[in-house]
Amino acid sequence: MTLEVPSPCIDVCQMSAATGWCEGCARTIEEITLWSRLGDEAKRRVWELLPARHAEMQRQALPQTGLQD
């Protein structure tokens, strides 16, 4: 038995003007719109993109101090 690939939606549905990604799940509007029609492999590929997108959104949310690491 194969389990369906779950949606990454967390019911925080607001698109970021800066990134074009949903602020909750980090998908694009196209990925959200097409989700129910995507095959499992395509859904897994979207899931693979999300950690980097979430990390980028967190970096953008941090206050800019001007200090270098």
Protein backbone atom coordinates (compact mmCIF):
# COMPACT_ATOMS: atom_id res chain seq x y z
CA MET A 1 0.00 0.00 0.00
CA THR A 2 1.39 3.40 -1.01
CA LEU A 3 0.56 6.42 1.09
CA GLU A 4 -0.51 9.62 -0.61
CA VAL A 5 2.00 12.47 -0.41
CA PRO A 6 0.49 14.94 2.08
CA SER A 7 0.01 18.61 1.38
CA PRO A 8 2.46 20.91 3.16
CA CYS A 9 -0.37 23.39 3.84
CA ILE A 10 -0.53 24.58 7.47
CA ASP A 11 -3.51 26.93 6.98
CA VAL A 12 -1.39 30.09 7.02
CA CYS A 13 -2.32 31.16 3.52
CA GLN A 14 -0.67 34.46 2.72
CA MET A 15 1.61 35.05 -0.23
CA SER A 16 4.84 36.95 0.37
CA ALA A 17 5.37 39.82 -2.04
CA ALA A 18 9.13 39.53 -1.50
CA THR A 19 9.47 35.84 -2.41
CA GLY A 20 6.25 34.85 -4.15
CA TRP A 21 5.94 31.94 -1.72
CA CYS A 22 3.15 31.21 0.75
CA GLU A 23 4.26 32.39 4.20
CA GLY A 24 2.88 29.17 5.72
CA CYS A 25 3.95 26.36 3.43
CA ALA A 26 6.53 28.10 1.18
CA ARG A 27 4.92 26.92 -2.04
CA THR A 28 4.35 29.12 -5.07
CA ILE A 29 0.80 29.96 -6.10
CA GLU A 30 1.27 27.62 -9.07
CA GLU A 31 2.36 24.75 -6.81
CA ILE A 32 -0.63 25.36 -4.54
CA THR A 33 -3.07 25.55 -7.45
CA LEU A 34 -1.75 22.42 -9.15
CA TRP A 35 -1.22 20.33 -5.99
CA SER A 36 -4.32 18.14 -6.30
CA ARG A 37 -3.41 17.29 -9.92
CA LEU A 38 0.30 16.61 -9.36
CA GLY A 39 1.57 13.07 -9.23
CA ASP A 40 3.37 11.78 -6.14
CA GLU A 41 6.84 12.27 -7.69
CA ALA A 42 6.11 15.92 -8.50
CA LYS A 43 4.73 16.44 -4.99
CA ARG A 44 7.93 14.98 -3.51
CA ARG A 45 10.00 17.36 -5.65
CA VAL A 46 8.02 20.31 -4.27
CA TRP A 47 8.56 19.01 -0.71
CA GLU A 48 12.32 18.89 -1.40
CA LEU A 49 12.33 22.63 -2.20
CA LEU A 50 10.52 23.72 0.96
CA PRO A 51 13.30 23.54 3.63
CA ALA A 52 15.52 25.94 1.67
CA ARG A 53 12.57 28.27 1.07
CA HIS A 54 11.63 28.28 4.76
CA ALA A 55 15.27 29.04 5.65
CA GLU A 56 15.32 31.92 3.16
CA MET A 57 12.10 33.35 4.59
CA GLN A 58 13.58 33.17 8.10
CA ARG A 59 16.73 34.97 6.94
CA GLN A 60 14.63 37.70 5.37
CA ALA A 61 12.60 38.07 8.56
CA LEU A 62 15.68 38.67 10.75
CA PRO A 63 16.46 42.30 11.49
CA GLN A 64 19.37 43.59 9.43
CA THR A 65 22.19 44.60 11.82
CA GLY A 66 24.82 45.38 9.23
CA LEU A 67 27.25 43.11 11.10
CA GLN A 68 29.17 40.50 9.19
CA ASP A 69 29.52 36.92 10.43
